[in-house]
Amino acid sequence: MNLSKHAIAELRHIKEFPVPTCSINPGVASKLIREGLAISVMLKSPFKSHKGGDCPHLQITDAGRGMV
């Protein structure tokens, strides 16, 4: 698996807690999901504009934890 420095940094970021997908570069998010390092899950939105609704977040997988 060949990940960019940016993708590895994002993986380390989502290791701490799930991150809204819209806050991550779409190409990086897609690569992490395709490689099985992260999954998309629906969680409460942290954005006031969503008024408590859900939005997709990236959550690290066991394979992703093994990369960082």
N, C-alpha and C. Protein backbone atom coordinates (compact mmCIF):
# COMPACT_ATOMS: atom_id res chain seq x y z
N MET A 1 0.84 -1.17 0.00
CA MET A 1 0.00 0.00 0.00
C MET A 1 0.89 1.24 0.00
N ASN A 2 0.63 2.12 -0.93
CA ASN A 2 1.44 3.32 -1.05
C ASN A 2 0.57 4.53 -0.72
N LEU A 3 0.73 5.07 0.49
CA LEU A 3 -0.05 6.23 0.91
C LEU A 3 0.83 7.47 0.96
N SER A 4 0.25 8.60 0.60
CA SER A 4 0.98 9.86 0.69
C SER A 4 1.13 10.27 2.15
N LYS A 5 2.01 11.22 2.39
CA LYS A 5 2.20 11.74 3.75
C LYS A 5 0.90 12.33 4.27
N HIS A 6 0.17 13.00 3.36
CA HIS A 6 -1.11 13.61 3.75
C HIS A 6 -2.13 12.54 4.17
N ALA A 7 -2.19 11.45 3.42
CA ALA A 7 -3.14 10.37 3.74
C ALA A 7 -2.79 9.73 5.08
N ILE A 8 -1.49 9.55 5.33
CA ILE A 8 -1.06 8.97 6.61
C ILE A 8 -1.41 9.91 7.76
N ALA A 9 -1.23 11.21 7.54
CA ALA A 9 -1.58 12.20 8.57
C ALA A 9 -3.07 12.16 8.86
N GLU A 10 -3.90 12.05 7.83
CA GLU A 10 -5.35 11.96 8.04
C GLU A 10 -5.71 10.68 8.78
N LEU A 11 -5.04 9.60 8.46
CA LEU A 11 -5.29 8.33 9.13
C LEU A 11 -4.96 8.44 10.62
N ARG A 12 -3.87 9.11 10.93
CA ARG A 12 -3.52 9.34 12.35
C ARG A 12 -4.57 10.21 13.02
N HIS A 13 -5.11 11.17 12.28
CA HIS A 13 -6.14 12.06 12.82
C HIS A 13 -7.41 11.28 13.16
N ILE A 14 -7.85 10.43 12.23
CA ILE A 14 -9.10 9.69 12.48
C ILE A 14 -8.88 8.53 13.46
N LYS A 15 -7.62 8.22 13.77
CA LYS A 15 -7.36 7.20 14.79
C LYS A 15 -7.87 7.66 16.15
N GLU A 16 -7.79 8.96 16.40
CA GLU A 16 -8.22 9.52 17.68
C GLU A 16 -9.74 9.51 17.83
N PHE A 17 -10.45 9.88 16.77
CA PHE A 17 -11.92 9.92 16.79
C PHE A 17 -12.41 10.06 15.35
N PRO A 18 -13.64 9.63 15.06
CA PRO A 18 -14.18 9.77 13.71
C PRO A 18 -14.23 11.25 13.29
N VAL A 19 -13.95 11.51 12.01
CA VAL A 19 -13.86 12.86 11.48
C VAL A 19 -14.89 13.01 10.36
N PRO A 20 -15.61 14.14 10.31
CA PRO A 20 -16.55 14.36 9.20
C PRO A 20 -15.85 14.23 7.86
N THR A 21 -16.43 13.47 6.98
CA THR A 21 -15.82 13.21 5.67
C THR A 21 -15.63 14.50 4.89
N CYS A 22 -16.53 15.45 5.04
CA CYS A 22 -16.42 16.70 4.27
C CYS A 22 -15.21 17.54 4.69
N SER A 23 -14.59 17.23 5.82
CA SER A 23 -13.43 17.99 6.26
C SER A 23 -12.11 17.37 5.77
N ILE A 24 -12.21 16.29 5.00
CA ILE A 24 -11.03 15.60 4.49
C ILE A 24 -11.03 15.71 2.97
N ASN A 25 -9.85 15.85 2.38
CA ASN A 25 -9.71 15.88 0.94
C ASN A 25 -10.45 14.67 0.35
N PRO A 26 -11.36 14.89 -0.61
CA PRO A 26 -12.15 13.78 -1.15
C PRO A 26 -11.32 12.64 -1.73
N GLY A 27 -10.20 12.96 -2.38
CA GLY A 27 -9.34 11.92 -2.92
C GLY A 27 -8.71 11.08 -1.84
N VAL A 28 -8.30 11.72 -0.75
CA VAL A 28 -7.70 11.00 0.38
C VAL A 28 -8.76 10.13 1.05
N ALA A 29 -9.94 10.68 1.28
CA ALA A 29 -11.02 9.91 1.90
C ALA A 29 -11.35 8.68 1.06
N SER A 30 -11.46 8.86 -0.24
CA SER A 30 -11.76 7.75 -1.14
C SER A 30 -10.67 6.69 -1.09
N LYS A 31 -9.42 7.10 -1.09
CA LYS A 31 -8.29 6.16 -1.04
C LYS A 31 -8.31 5.35 0.26
N LEU A 32 -8.56 6.02 1.39
CA LEU A 32 -8.60 5.32 2.67
C LEU A 32 -9.71 4.28 2.71
N ILE A 33 -10.85 4.63 2.14
CA ILE A 33 -11.98 3.69 2.10
C ILE A 33 -11.68 2.54 1.14
N ARG A 34 -11.18 2.86 -0.06
CA ARG A 34 -10.84 1.81 -1.05
C ARG A 34 -9.82 0.82 -0.53
N GLU A 35 -8.85 1.31 0.22
CA GLU A 35 -7.78 0.45 0.75
C GLU A 35 -8.23 -0.30 2.01
N GLY A 36 -9.45 -0.04 2.49
CA GLY A 36 -9.95 -0.73 3.68
C GLY A 36 -9.37 -0.21 4.98
N LEU A 37 -8.82 1.00 4.95
CA LEU A 37 -8.19 1.58 6.14
C LEU A 37 -9.18 2.40 6.96
N ALA A 38 -10.30 2.77 6.33
CA ALA A 38 -11.34 3.54 7.00
C ALA A 38 -12.69 3.14 6.42
N ILE A 39 -13.73 3.40 7.18
CA ILE A 39 -15.10 3.17 6.71
C ILE A 39 -15.89 4.45 6.93
N SER A 40 -16.97 4.59 6.19
CA SER A 40 -17.85 5.73 6.35
C SER A 40 -19.01 5.33 7.26
N VAL A 41 -19.22 6.12 8.30
CA VAL A 41 -20.33 5.87 9.24
C VAL A 41 -21.12 7.16 9.43
N MET A 42 -22.40 7.05 9.70
CA MET A 42 -23.24 8.22 9.93
C MET A 42 -23.26 8.52 11.44
N LEU A 43 -22.80 9.71 11.79
CA LEU A 43 -22.80 10.16 13.18
C LEU A 43 -23.36 11.57 13.24
N LYS A 44 -23.64 12.04 14.44
CA LYS A 44 -24.15 13.40 14.61
C LYS A 44 -23.17 14.41 14.04
N SER A 45 -23.71 15.39 13.35
CA SER A 45 -22.88 16.42 12.74
C SER A 45 -22.36 17.39 13.78
N PRO A 46 -21.09 17.79 13.69
CA PRO A 46 -20.55 18.80 14.60
C PRO A 46 -20.84 20.22 14.12
N PHE A 47 -21.47 20.36 12.95
CA PHE A 47 -21.70 21.67 12.34
C PHE A 47 -23.06 22.24 12.74
N LYS A 48 -23.07 23.48 13.15
CA LYS A 48 -24.32 24.13 13.56
C LYS A 48 -25.33 24.18 12.42
N SER A 49 -24.86 24.29 11.20
CA SER A 49 -25.77 24.40 10.05
C SER A 49 -26.59 23.13 9.84
N HIS A 50 -26.14 22.01 10.37
CA HIS A 50 -26.89 20.76 10.23
C HIS A 50 -27.92 20.57 11.34
N LYS A 51 -27.89 21.42 12.33
CA LYS A 51 -28.87 21.43 13.42
C LYS A 51 -29.15 20.04 14.00
N GLY A 52 -28.09 19.35 14.40
CA GLY A 52 -28.26 18.06 15.07
C GLY A 52 -28.48 16.88 14.16
N GLY A 53 -28.45 17.09 12.85
CA GLY A 53 -28.61 15.99 11.91
C GLY A 53 -27.35 15.14 11.82
N ASP A 54 -27.45 14.07 11.08
CA ASP A 54 -26.30 13.19 10.90
C ASP A 54 -25.52 13.59 9.65
N CYS A 55 -24.24 13.25 9.62
CA CYS A 55 -23.42 13.42 8.42
C CYS A 55 -22.38 12.30 8.41
N PRO A 56 -21.86 11.97 7.23
CA PRO A 56 -20.89 10.88 7.15
C PRO A 56 -19.56 11.26 7.81
N HIS A 57 -19.00 10.32 8.52
CA HIS A 57 -17.69 10.47 9.17
C HIS A 57 -16.81 9.31 8.72
N LEU A 58 -15.51 9.53 8.72
CA LEU A 58 -14.56 8.44 8.49
C LEU A 58 -14.16 7.88 9.84
N GLN A 59 -14.17 6.56 9.93
CA GLN A 59 -13.78 5.87 11.15
C GLN A 59 -12.70 4.86 10.76
N ILE A 60 -11.63 4.80 11.53
CA ILE A 60 -10.51 3.92 11.21
C ILE A 60 -10.90 2.45 11.43
N THR A 61 -10.31 1.58 10.62
CA THR A 61 -10.52 0.14 10.76
C THR A 61 -9.30 -0.48 11.44
N ASP A 62 -9.38 -1.76 11.74
CA ASP A 62 -8.23 -2.46 12.33
C ASP A 62 -7.03 -2.42 11.37
N ALA A 63 -7.30 -2.55 10.08
CA ALA A 63 -6.22 -2.48 9.09
C ALA A 63 -5.57 -1.09 9.12
N GLY A 64 -6.38 -0.07 9.29
CA GLY A 64 -5.86 1.30 9.38
C GLY A 64 -5.02 1.50 10.61
N ARG A 65 -5.46 0.93 11.73
CA ARG A 65 -4.67 1.03 12.97
C ARG A 65 -3.30 0.37 12.80
N GLY A 66 -3.27 -0.69 12.01
CA GLY A 66 -2.01 -1.37 11.77
C GLY A 66 -1.04 -0.56 10.92
N MET A 67 -1.56 0.43 10.19
CA MET A 67 -0.71 1.27 9.34
C MET A 67 -0.06 2.42 10.11
N VAL A 68 -0.66 2.81 11.23
CA VAL A 68 -0.12 3.99 11.96
C VAL A 68 0.47 3.62 13.28
